[in-house]
Amino acid sequence: YIEIGDTSTIPRFYNRRDERWEDQIIDYASSHLMTLYCVEAAVMPKDELLRYKARLDREVDHQDIEEITSK
């Protein structure tokens, strides 16, 4: 699975657990460089992705967390 986000501006997301909007702080230094379809991309570390999806707290994120952690 690939989830692509726009990081050209200050990304924000709604934290449903805390019921507030938050800036998404992206630690590019901890990202992993991968080549996807002939394009080099910075990929968020798995533990950071899981924390982000837990804060989003949508049904689709619950499913993603389950699939990611079952591998």
Protein backbone atom coordinates (compact mmCIF):
# COMPACT_ATOMS: atom_id res chain seq x y z
CA TYR A 1 0.00 0.00 0.00
CA ILE A 2 1.13 3.54 -0.73
CA GLU A 3 -0.33 6.63 0.89
CA ILE A 4 0.89 9.85 -0.68
CA GLY A 5 0.77 13.14 1.17
CA ASP A 6 1.48 16.71 0.10
CA THR A 7 4.45 18.01 2.06
CA SER A 8 4.96 21.18 0.01
CA THR A 9 3.06 23.16 2.65
CA ILE A 10 2.67 22.64 6.38
CA PRO A 11 0.48 19.52 6.43
CA ARG A 12 -2.25 19.32 9.06
CA PHE A 13 -4.56 16.53 10.08
CA TYR A 14 -7.52 16.11 12.40
CA ASN A 15 -6.60 14.10 15.49
CA ARG A 16 -9.89 12.37 16.26
CA ARG A 17 -8.65 10.98 19.57
CA ASP A 18 -7.89 14.47 20.93
CA GLU A 19 -10.53 16.20 18.75
CA ARG A 20 -8.24 18.90 17.36
CA TRP A 21 -6.28 19.88 14.27
CA GLU A 22 -2.52 19.30 14.45
CA ASP A 23 0.48 20.11 12.32
CA GLN A 24 1.98 16.93 11.01
CA ILE A 25 5.63 17.05 11.98
CA ILE A 26 7.60 15.02 9.46
CA ASP A 27 11.03 13.75 10.45
CA TYR A 28 12.63 13.53 7.02
CA ALA A 29 15.94 12.47 8.56
CA SER A 30 14.38 9.20 9.72
CA SER A 31 12.67 8.51 6.38
CA HIS A 32 13.84 5.66 4.18
CA LEU A 33 14.61 6.38 0.54
CA MET A 34 12.95 3.94 -1.83
CA THR A 35 12.45 3.84 -5.57
CA LEU A 36 8.77 3.56 -6.47
CA TYR A 37 7.87 3.37 -10.15
CA CYS A 38 11.27 4.81 -11.11
CA VAL A 39 10.93 7.76 -8.71
CA GLU A 40 12.98 8.10 -5.52
CA ALA A 41 10.71 8.87 -2.58
CA ALA A 42 11.17 9.40 1.14
CA VAL A 43 9.08 6.81 2.99
CA MET A 44 7.87 7.37 6.55
CA PRO A 45 9.17 4.80 9.06
CA LYS A 46 6.63 2.14 10.03
CA ASP A 47 6.34 3.17 13.70
CA GLU A 48 5.74 6.81 12.74
CA LEU A 49 3.08 5.76 10.22
CA LEU A 50 1.32 3.65 12.85
CA ARG A 51 1.26 6.56 15.36
CA TYR A 52 -0.11 8.89 12.66
CA LYS A 53 -2.86 6.46 11.64
CA ALA A 54 -3.82 5.87 15.28
CA ARG A 55 -4.36 9.61 15.77
CA LEU A 56 -6.44 9.85 12.57
CA ASP A 57 -8.64 7.15 14.10
CA ARG A 58 -10.80 6.50 11.03
CA GLU A 59 -12.18 3.08 10.17
CA VAL A 60 -9.83 2.84 7.19
CA ASP A 61 -6.88 3.63 9.50
CA HIS A 62 -7.91 0.84 11.89
CA GLN A 63 -7.89 -1.53 8.93
CA ASP A 64 -4.50 -0.22 7.76
CA ILE A 65 -3.01 -0.64 11.25
CA GLU A 66 -4.29 -4.20 11.43
CA GLU A 67 -2.84 -5.05 8.02
CA ILE A 68 0.50 -3.34 8.70
CA THR A 69 1.00 -4.99 12.08
CA SER A 70 -0.04 -8.46 10.93
CA LYS A 71 2.92 -8.71 8.54
